[in-house]
Amino acid sequence: MVGTRSTVTTHLSADLAAIPLPRRPLDPSDQIRRWYENELGWPVVPAPPGSALSLLLGRRFDVLDVPAEAGRAALRRLTPHSPVAVRGDRMRLLVAAGAADEVPGVLRWLEWGDLPLDLRTLGAGDLMEAPVPPGHGPLEAVGAPVVVRRPVDPAAWGAVRRSEPVGLGVVRPLTLGRCAAVQGAAVWLRPPEPGGEVEASLPTLSALGGGGGAPDLVRVLDTVATQCHRLRLRRACARPPACP
């Protein structure tokens, strides 16, 4: 009996050793990273645990960062497949790679260059917080966003340096239809389509006068600049008059 028990115990120990250990659930940031890298093929900047994932811009697309109200006005200039993200009271319109460098010249040509506009660009070498993919919901574990911003100021454009600090803005919740930027997390208002070539749907200068399906960057910028200017005038009129 002793030998039988010993044999059973040995076999049982061997069987238990062959059972694989349960897999550790994926960290939310790992799920987001895999969605961007595997489904979209977008470069993602690695982040330490608890930090936000960032998208490296300038390779597949650049970004226009504008007030949400101005961005909503520009949606009619985009195709239904043009990706658009929202964070707080800001909207981020994806544009063709290299378009960020063209924006100051286009604004001057449109005679918006001398006016202060609440419009920023993110281009080559810049980082943008990776918006929460569809179906993932708000994920507090992703952490605070990491965004490198460049102000669109034609007069000072040449002085912009790569060493400028990372900016973390104050965020107010904004609801756009069924899409809500909860607790400051960036989310997709119009998510990119996995497996598709996003470049074909992005605003570009090459669409001006062409017959392609890409939106025209000039018309998008003119619409956004007009709305930014109206917002500035509205805020100026809403301020109480200065005391004499």
C-alpha atoms as a PDB file:
ATOM      1  CA  MET A   1       0.000   0.000   0.000  1.00  0.00           C
ATOM      2  CA  VAL A   2       2.836   2.359   0.832  1.00  0.00           C
ATOM      3  CA  GLY A   3       4.382   1.801  -2.584  1.00  0.00           C
ATOM      4  CA  THR A   4       1.047   2.340  -4.319  1.00  0.00           C
ATOM      5  CA  ARG A   5       0.468   5.610  -2.495  1.00  0.00           C
ATOM      6  CA  SER A   6       3.955   6.777  -3.376  1.00  0.00           C
ATOM      7  CA  THR A   7       3.400   5.970  -7.045  1.00  0.00           C
ATOM      8  CA  VAL A   8       0.038   7.808  -7.109  1.00  0.00           C
ATOM      9  CA  THR A   9       1.590  10.835  -5.409  1.00  0.00           C
ATOM     10  CA  THR A  10       4.447  10.879  -7.928  1.00  0.00           C
ATOM     11  CA  HIS A  11       2.074  10.690 -10.909  1.00  0.00           C
ATOM     12  CA  LEU A  12      -0.161  13.383  -9.403  1.00  0.00           C
ATOM     13  CA  SER A  13       2.793  15.707  -8.845  1.00  0.00           C
ATOM     14  CA  ALA A  14       3.936  15.148 -12.448  1.00  0.00           C
ATOM     15  CA  ASP A  15       0.442  15.885 -13.778  1.00  0.00           C
ATOM     16  CA  LEU A  16       0.181  19.083 -11.735  1.00  0.00           C
ATOM     17  CA  ALA A  17       3.590  20.209 -12.970  1.00  0.00           C
ATOM     18  CA  ALA A  18       2.419  19.773 -16.574  1.00  0.00           C
ATOM     19  CA  ILE A  19      -0.574  22.088 -16.101  1.00  0.00           C
ATOM     20  CA  PRO A  20       0.337  25.565 -17.368  1.00  0.00           C
ATOM     21  CA  LEU A  21      -0.012  28.416 -14.917  1.00  0.00           C
ATOM     22  CA  PRO A  22      -2.949  30.765 -15.543  1.00  0.00           C
ATOM     23  CA  ARG A  23      -2.084  33.711 -17.738  1.00  0.00           C
ATOM     24  CA  ARG A  24      -1.838  37.101 -16.113  1.00  0.00           C
ATOM     25  CA  PRO A  25      -4.552  39.399 -17.459  1.00  0.00           C
ATOM     26  CA  LEU A  26      -3.230  41.936 -19.930  1.00  0.00           C
ATOM     27  CA  ASP A  27      -2.610  45.372 -18.525  1.00  0.00           C
ATOM     28  CA  PRO A  28      -5.014  47.917 -20.108  1.00  0.00           C
ATOM     29  CA  SER A  29      -2.062  49.770 -21.622  1.00  0.00           C
ATOM     30  CA  ASP A  30      -0.871  46.481 -23.198  1.00  0.00           C
ATOM     31  CA  GLN A  31      -4.294  45.994 -24.799  1.00  0.00           C
ATOM     32  CA  ILE A  32      -4.210  49.494 -26.238  1.00  0.00           C
ATOM     33  CA  ARG A  33      -0.646  49.066 -27.502  1.00  0.00           C
ATOM     34  CA  ARG A  34      -1.519  45.805 -29.272  1.00  0.00           C
ATOM     35  CA  TRP A  35      -4.573  47.403 -30.900  1.00  0.00           C
ATOM     36  CA  TYR A  36      -2.491  50.233 -32.334  1.00  0.00           C
ATOM     37  CA  GLU A  37       0.497  48.129 -33.360  1.00  0.00           C
ATOM     38  CA  ASN A  38      -1.271  44.992 -34.613  1.00  0.00           C
ATOM     39  CA  GLU A  39      -4.577  46.344 -35.940  1.00  0.00           C
ATOM     40  CA  LEU A  40      -3.418  49.711 -37.315  1.00  0.00           C
ATOM     41  CA  GLY A  41       0.341  49.385 -37.713  1.00  0.00           C
ATOM     42  CA  TRP A  42       0.934  52.710 -35.951  1.00  0.00           C
ATOM     43  CA  PRO A  43       4.199  53.353 -34.071  1.00  0.00           C
ATOM     44  CA  VAL A  44       3.627  53.469 -30.308  1.00  0.00           C
ATOM     45  CA  VAL A  45       6.160  54.910 -27.873  1.00  0.00           C
ATOM     46  CA  PRO A  46       6.793  52.473 -24.988  1.00  0.00           C
ATOM     47  CA  ALA A  47       5.717  53.755 -21.593  1.00  0.00           C
ATOM     48  CA  PRO A  48       6.487  52.625 -18.037  1.00  0.00           C
ATOM     49  CA  PRO A  49       3.675  50.936 -16.076  1.00  0.00           C
ATOM     50  CA  GLY A  50       0.943  53.378 -15.116  1.00  0.00           C
ATOM     51  CA  SER A  51       1.969  55.934 -17.753  1.00  0.00           C
ATOM     52  CA  ALA A  52       0.131  56.922 -20.886  1.00  0.00           C
ATOM     53  CA  LEU A  53       0.921  55.351 -24.224  1.00  0.00           C
ATOM     54  CA  SER A  54       1.875  57.850 -26.890  1.00  0.00           C
ATOM     55  CA  LEU A  55       1.643  57.782 -30.671  1.00  0.00           C
ATOM     56  CA  LEU A  56       4.671  58.898 -32.660  1.00  0.00           C
ATOM     57  CA  LEU A  57       3.542  61.437 -35.235  1.00  0.00           C
ATOM     58  CA  GLY A  58       4.976  62.414 -38.592  1.00  0.00           C
ATOM     59  CA  ARG A  59       5.171  58.919 -40.091  1.00  0.00           C
ATOM     60  CA  ARG A  60       1.560  57.981 -40.811  1.00  0.00           C
ATOM     61  CA  PHE A  61      -0.148  61.280 -39.990  1.00  0.00           C
ATOM     62  CA  ASP A  62       0.092  64.693 -38.307  1.00  0.00           C
ATOM     63  CA  VAL A  63      -2.538  66.289 -36.056  1.00  0.00           C
ATOM     64  CA  LEU A  64      -4.456  69.566 -35.788  1.00  0.00           C
ATOM     65  CA  ASP A  65      -5.394  70.308 -32.169  1.00  0.00           C
ATOM     66  CA  VAL A  66      -8.336  72.751 -32.105  1.00  0.00           C
ATOM     67  CA  PRO A  67     -11.256  73.761 -29.853  1.00  0.00           C
ATOM     68  CA  ALA A  68     -14.056  71.207 -30.067  1.00  0.00           C
ATOM     69  CA  GLU A  69     -16.489  73.765 -31.481  1.00  0.00           C
ATOM     70  CA  ALA A  70     -14.101  74.613 -34.312  1.00  0.00           C
ATOM     71  CA  GLY A  71     -13.464  70.925 -34.916  1.00  0.00           C
ATOM     72  CA  ARG A  72     -17.171  70.155 -35.199  1.00  0.00           C
ATOM     73  CA  ALA A  73     -17.481  72.785 -37.926  1.00  0.00           C
ATOM     74  CA  ALA A  74     -14.655  71.099 -39.845  1.00  0.00           C
ATOM     75  CA  LEU A  75     -16.229  67.636 -39.747  1.00  0.00           C
ATOM     76  CA  ARG A  76     -18.247  68.406 -42.877  1.00  0.00           C
ATOM     77  CA  ARG A  77     -14.951  68.981 -44.721  1.00  0.00           C
ATOM     78  CA  LEU A  78     -13.737  65.497 -43.836  1.00  0.00           C
ATOM     79  CA  THR A  79     -14.713  62.096 -45.145  1.00  0.00           C
ATOM     80  CA  PRO A  80     -16.653  59.712 -42.863  1.00  0.00           C
ATOM     81  CA  HIS A  81     -13.436  57.679 -42.630  1.00  0.00           C
ATOM     82  CA  SER A  82     -11.227  60.563 -41.441  1.00  0.00           C
ATOM     83  CA  PRO A  83     -10.158  59.721 -37.858  1.00  0.00           C
ATOM     84  CA  VAL A  84     -11.028  62.358 -35.246  1.00  0.00           C
ATOM     85  CA  ALA A  85     -10.253  62.211 -31.512  1.00  0.00           C
ATOM     86  CA  VAL A  86     -11.572  64.224 -28.560  1.00  0.00           C
ATOM     87  CA  ARG A  87      -9.936  65.071 -25.261  1.00  0.00           C
ATOM     88  CA  GLY A  88     -11.722  67.396 -22.873  1.00  0.00           C
ATOM     89  CA  ASP A  89     -12.759  70.508 -24.785  1.00  0.00           C
ATOM     90  CA  ARG A  90     -10.224  69.900 -27.566  1.00  0.00           C
ATOM     91  CA  MET A  91     -10.609  68.003 -30.831  1.00  0.00           C
ATOM     92  CA  ARG A  92      -7.757  66.408 -32.749  1.00  0.00           C
ATOM     93  CA  LEU A  93      -8.103  66.115 -36.498  1.00  0.00           C
ATOM     94  CA  LEU A  94      -5.712  63.717 -38.197  1.00  0.00           C
ATOM     95  CA  VAL A  95      -4.095  65.200 -41.312  1.00  0.00           C
ATOM     96  CA  ALA A  96      -1.564  63.914 -43.817  1.00  0.00           C
ATOM     97  CA  ALA A  97       2.014  63.395 -42.667  1.00  0.00           C
ATOM     98  CA  GLY A  98       4.001  66.576 -43.283  1.00  0.00           C
ATOM     99  CA  ALA A  99       0.908  68.809 -43.165  1.00  0.00           C
ATOM    100  CA  ALA A 100       1.981  70.329 -39.816  1.00  0.00           C
ATOM    101  CA  ASP A 101       4.872  72.085 -41.566  1.00  0.00           C
ATOM    102  CA  GLU A 102       2.517  73.442 -44.235  1.00  0.00           C
ATOM    103  CA  VAL A 103      -0.023  74.950 -41.826  1.00  0.00           C
ATOM    104  CA  PRO A 104       1.717  78.330 -41.154  1.00  0.00           C
ATOM    105  CA  GLY A 105       2.122  79.022 -44.873  1.00  0.00           C
ATOM    106  CA  VAL A 106      -1.463  78.040 -45.628  1.00  0.00           C
ATOM    107  CA  LEU A 107      -2.759  80.296 -42.844  1.00  0.00           C
ATOM    108  CA  ARG A 108      -0.739  83.236 -44.226  1.00  0.00           C
ATOM    109  CA  TRP A 109      -2.087  82.551 -47.704  1.00  0.00           C
ATOM    110  CA  LEU A 110      -5.604  82.527 -46.293  1.00  0.00           C
ATOM    111  CA  GLU A 111      -4.803  85.838 -44.512  1.00  0.00           C
ATOM    112  CA  TRP A 112      -5.148  84.307 -41.066  1.00  0.00           C
ATOM    113  CA  GLY A 113      -1.430  84.460 -40.332  1.00  0.00           C
ATOM    114  CA  ASP A 114      -1.424  87.729 -38.361  1.00  0.00           C
ATOM    115  CA  LEU A 115      -4.275  86.766 -36.028  1.00  0.00           C
ATOM    116  CA  PRO A 116      -3.868  84.741 -32.813  1.00  0.00           C
ATOM    117  CA  LEU A 117      -5.686  81.463 -33.282  1.00  0.00           C
ATOM    118  CA  ASP A 118      -6.265  78.738 -30.720  1.00  0.00           C
ATOM    119  CA  LEU A 119      -4.912  76.150 -33.125  1.00  0.00           C
ATOM    120  CA  ARG A 120      -1.913  73.876 -32.600  1.00  0.00           C
ATOM    121  CA  THR A 121      -0.140  71.354 -34.754  1.00  0.00           C
ATOM    122  CA  LEU A 122       1.685  68.153 -33.901  1.00  0.00           C
ATOM    123  CA  GLY A 123       4.058  66.794 -36.512  1.00  0.00           C
ATOM    124  CA  ALA A 124       7.296  64.905 -37.053  1.00  0.00           C
ATOM    125  CA  GLY A 125       8.989  64.033 -33.776  1.00  0.00           C
ATOM    126  CA  ASP A 126       5.983  65.008 -31.665  1.00  0.00           C
ATOM    127  CA  LEU A 127       3.992  62.680 -29.428  1.00  0.00           C
ATOM    128  CA  MET A 128       0.261  62.456 -28.814  1.00  0.00           C
ATOM    129  CA  GLU A 129      -1.623  60.583 -26.145  1.00  0.00           C
ATOM    130  CA  ALA A 130      -3.064  57.390 -27.642  1.00  0.00           C
ATOM    131  CA  PRO A 131      -6.879  57.721 -27.508  1.00  0.00           C
ATOM    132  CA  VAL A 132      -8.793  54.883 -25.883  1.00  0.00           C
ATOM    133  CA  PRO A 133      -9.737  52.356 -28.619  1.00  0.00           C
ATOM    134  CA  PRO A 134     -13.429  51.675 -29.296  1.00  0.00           C
ATOM    135  CA  GLY A 135     -14.980  49.290 -26.787  1.00  0.00           C
ATOM    136  CA  HIS A 136     -12.323  49.723 -24.118  1.00  0.00           C
ATOM    137  CA  GLY A 137     -14.050  52.496 -22.168  1.00  0.00           C
ATOM    138  CA  PRO A 138     -12.280  55.003 -19.924  1.00  0.00           C
ATOM    139  CA  LEU A 139      -9.157  53.476 -18.432  1.00  0.00           C
ATOM    140  CA  GLU A 140      -7.768  55.277 -15.408  1.00  0.00           C
ATOM    141  CA  ALA A 141      -4.825  52.855 -15.376  1.00  0.00           C
ATOM    142  CA  VAL A 142      -3.468  54.405 -18.545  1.00  0.00           C
ATOM    143  CA  GLY A 143      -2.366  57.445 -16.535  1.00  0.00           C
ATOM    144  CA  ALA A 144      -1.777  61.054 -17.462  1.00  0.00           C
ATOM    145  CA  PRO A 145      -1.363  62.044 -21.128  1.00  0.00           C
ATOM    146  CA  VAL A 146       1.951  62.898 -22.695  1.00  0.00           C
ATOM    147  CA  VAL A 147       1.597  65.536 -25.413  1.00  0.00           C
ATOM    148  CA  VAL A 148       4.221  67.643 -27.136  1.00  0.00           C
ATOM    149  CA  ARG A 149       2.581  70.725 -28.634  1.00  0.00           C
ATOM    150  CA  ARG A 150       3.762  73.353 -31.102  1.00  0.00           C
ATOM    151  CA  PRO A 151       1.876  76.677 -31.196  1.00  0.00           C
ATOM    152  CA  VAL A 152       0.876  77.931 -34.632  1.00  0.00           C
ATOM    153  CA  ASP A 153       2.370  81.428 -34.496  1.00  0.00           C
ATOM    154  CA  PRO A 154       3.825  82.368 -37.903  1.00  0.00           C
ATOM    155  CA  ALA A 155       5.828  85.266 -36.413  1.00  0.00           C
ATOM    156  CA  ALA A 156       7.635  82.965 -33.990  1.00  0.00           C
ATOM    157  CA  TRP A 157       7.546  79.755 -36.017  1.00  0.00           C
ATOM    158  CA  GLY A 158      11.242  79.777 -36.770  1.00  0.00           C
ATOM    159  CA  ALA A 159      12.086  80.021 -33.080  1.00  0.00           C
ATOM    160  CA  VAL A 160      10.258  76.841 -32.118  1.00  0.00           C
ATOM    161  CA  ARG A 161      12.728  74.337 -30.701  1.00  0.00           C
ATOM    162  CA  ARG A 162      12.588  70.640 -30.083  1.00  0.00           C
ATOM    163  CA  SER A 163      13.532  71.250 -26.450  1.00  0.00           C
ATOM    164  CA  GLU A 164      10.210  72.902 -25.600  1.00  0.00           C
ATOM    165  CA  PRO A 165       8.572  71.379 -22.506  1.00  0.00           C
ATOM    166  CA  VAL A 166       5.767  68.873 -22.466  1.00  0.00           C
ATOM    167  CA  GLY A 167       2.420  70.617 -21.894  1.00  0.00           C
ATOM    168  CA  LEU A 168      -0.389  69.152 -19.801  1.00  0.00           C
ATOM    169  CA  GLY A 169      -3.500  71.310 -20.156  1.00  0.00           C
ATOM    170  CA  VAL A 170      -6.475  71.736 -17.875  1.00  0.00           C
ATOM    171  CA  VAL A 171      -9.253  69.426 -19.038  1.00  0.00           C
ATOM    172  CA  ARG A 172     -12.995  69.932 -18.773  1.00  0.00           C
ATOM    173  CA  PRO A 173     -15.384  67.075 -19.631  1.00  0.00           C
ATOM    174  CA  LEU A 174     -17.108  67.344 -23.003  1.00  0.00           C
ATOM    175  CA  THR A 175     -19.872  65.188 -24.422  1.00  0.00           C
ATOM    176  CA  LEU A 176     -20.217  64.870 -28.191  1.00  0.00           C
ATOM    177  CA  GLY A 177     -23.159  62.641 -29.039  1.00  0.00           C
ATOM    178  CA  ARG A 178     -22.331  59.218 -27.618  1.00  0.00           C
ATOM    179  CA  CYS A 179     -18.644  60.038 -27.241  1.00  0.00           C
ATOM    180  CA  ALA A 180     -17.576  61.455 -23.885  1.00  0.00           C
ATOM    181  CA  ALA A 181     -14.065  62.399 -22.826  1.00  0.00           C
ATOM    182  CA  VAL A 182     -14.356  60.880 -19.354  1.00  0.00           C
ATOM    183  CA  GLN A 183     -11.900  62.006 -16.685  1.00  0.00           C
ATOM    184  CA  GLY A 184      -9.692  63.675 -19.277  1.00  0.00           C
ATOM    185  CA  ALA A 185      -8.970  60.525 -21.310  1.00  0.00           C
ATOM    186  CA  ALA A 186      -8.690  60.986 -25.050  1.00  0.00           C
ATOM    187  CA  VAL A 187     -11.233  58.949 -27.021  1.00  0.00           C
ATOM    188  CA  TRP A 188     -12.086  58.454 -30.674  1.00  0.00           C
ATOM    189  CA  LEU A 189     -15.043  60.382 -32.068  1.00  0.00           C
ATOM    190  CA  ARG A 190     -14.372  58.801 -35.472  1.00  0.00           C
ATOM    191  CA  PRO A 191     -12.047  55.841 -34.872  1.00  0.00           C
ATOM    192  CA  PRO A 192      -9.566  54.649 -37.494  1.00  0.00           C
ATOM    193  CA  GLU A 193     -10.565  51.500 -39.335  1.00  0.00           C
ATOM    194  CA  PRO A 194      -8.302  48.510 -38.587  1.00  0.00           C
ATOM    195  CA  GLY A 195      -6.708  47.049 -41.667  1.00  0.00           C
ATOM    196  CA  GLY A 196      -7.381  50.158 -43.768  1.00  0.00           C
ATOM    197  CA  GLU A 197      -4.950  52.701 -45.140  1.00  0.00           C
ATOM    198  CA  VAL A 198      -5.654  55.806 -43.078  1.00  0.00           C
ATOM    199  CA  GLU A 199      -3.620  58.040 -45.401  1.00  0.00           C
ATOM    200  CA  ALA A 200      -6.294  58.003 -48.119  1.00  0.00           C
ATOM    201  CA  SER A 201      -8.804  59.743 -45.818  1.00  0.00           C
ATOM    202  CA  LEU A 202      -6.555  62.480 -44.395  1.00  0.00           C
ATOM    203  CA  PRO A 203      -6.654  66.162 -45.411  1.00  0.00           C
ATOM    204  CA  THR A 204      -3.708  67.038 -47.626  1.00  0.00           C
ATOM    205  CA  LEU A 205      -2.505  69.904 -49.809  1.00  0.00           C
ATOM    206  CA  SER A 206      -2.254  67.537 -52.777  1.00  0.00           C
ATOM    207  CA  ALA A 207      -6.073  67.302 -52.762  1.00  0.00           C
ATOM    208  CA  LEU A 208      -6.374  70.964 -53.802  1.00  0.00           C
ATOM    209  CA  GLY A 209      -7.771  70.948 -57.314  1.00  0.00           C
ATOM    210  CA  GLY A 210      -7.326  67.191 -57.600  1.00  0.00           C
ATOM    211  CA  GLY A 211      -9.845  64.483 -58.269  1.00  0.00           C
ATOM    212  CA  GLY A 212      -8.886  62.174 -55.408  1.00  0.00           C
ATOM    213  CA  GLY A 213     -11.022  61.313 -52.432  1.00  0.00           C
ATOM    214  CA  ALA A 214      -8.787  62.913 -49.791  1.00  0.00           C
ATOM    215  CA  PRO A 215     -10.126  66.081 -48.109  1.00  0.00           C
ATOM    216  CA  ASP A 216      -8.572  69.422 -49.005  1.00  0.00           C
ATOM    217  CA  LEU A 217      -6.355  70.728 -46.188  1.00  0.00           C
ATOM    218  CA  VAL A 218      -6.867  74.351 -47.280  1.00  0.00           C
ATOM    219  CA  ARG A 219     -10.640  74.174 -46.837  1.00  0.00           C
ATOM    220  CA  VAL A 220     -10.284  72.378 -43.496  1.00  0.00           C
ATOM    221  CA  LEU A 221      -7.881  75.039 -42.205  1.00  0.00           C
ATOM    222  CA  ASP A 222     -10.037  77.911 -43.440  1.00  0.00           C
ATOM    223  CA  THR A 223     -13.085  76.454 -41.674  1.00  0.00           C
ATOM    224  CA  VAL A 224     -11.178  75.829 -38.442  1.00  0.00           C
ATOM    225  CA  ALA A 225      -9.510  79.264 -38.463  1.00  0.00           C
ATOM    226  CA  THR A 226     -12.853  80.996 -39.049  1.00  0.00           C
ATOM    227  CA  GLN A 227     -14.419  79.207 -36.092  1.00  0.00           C
ATOM    228  CA  CYS A 228     -11.388  79.864 -33.860  1.00  0.00           C
ATOM    229  CA  HIS A 229     -11.638  83.579 -34.688  1.00  0.00           C
ATOM    230  CA  ARG A 230     -15.369  83.624 -33.915  1.00  0.00           C
ATOM    231  CA  LEU A 231     -14.726  81.922 -30.580  1.00  0.00           C
ATOM    232  CA  ARG A 232     -12.079  84.512 -29.735  1.00  0.00           C
ATOM    233  CA  LEU A 233     -14.424  87.398 -30.561  1.00  0.00           C
ATOM    234  CA  ARG A 234     -17.244  85.797 -28.564  1.00  0.00           C
ATOM    235  CA  ARG A 235     -15.036  85.416 -25.509  1.00  0.00           C
ATOM    236  CA  ALA A 236     -13.786  88.987 -25.843  1.00  0.00           C
ATOM    237  CA  CYS A 237     -17.370  90.304 -25.960  1.00  0.00           C
ATOM    238  CA  ALA A 238     -18.312  88.201 -22.929  1.00  0.00           C
ATOM    239  CA  ARG A 239     -15.631  89.782 -20.730  1.00  0.00           C
ATOM    240  CA  PRO A 240     -16.844  92.528 -18.393  1.00  0.00           C
ATOM    241  CA  PRO A 241     -15.681  96.020 -19.336  1.00  0.00           C
ATOM    242  CA  ALA A 242     -12.523  97.236 -17.631  1.00  0.00           C
ATOM    243  CA  CYS A 243     -13.004  99.692 -14.790  1.00  0.00           C
ATOM    244  CA  PRO A 244     -11.918 103.266 -15.644  1.00  0.00           C
END
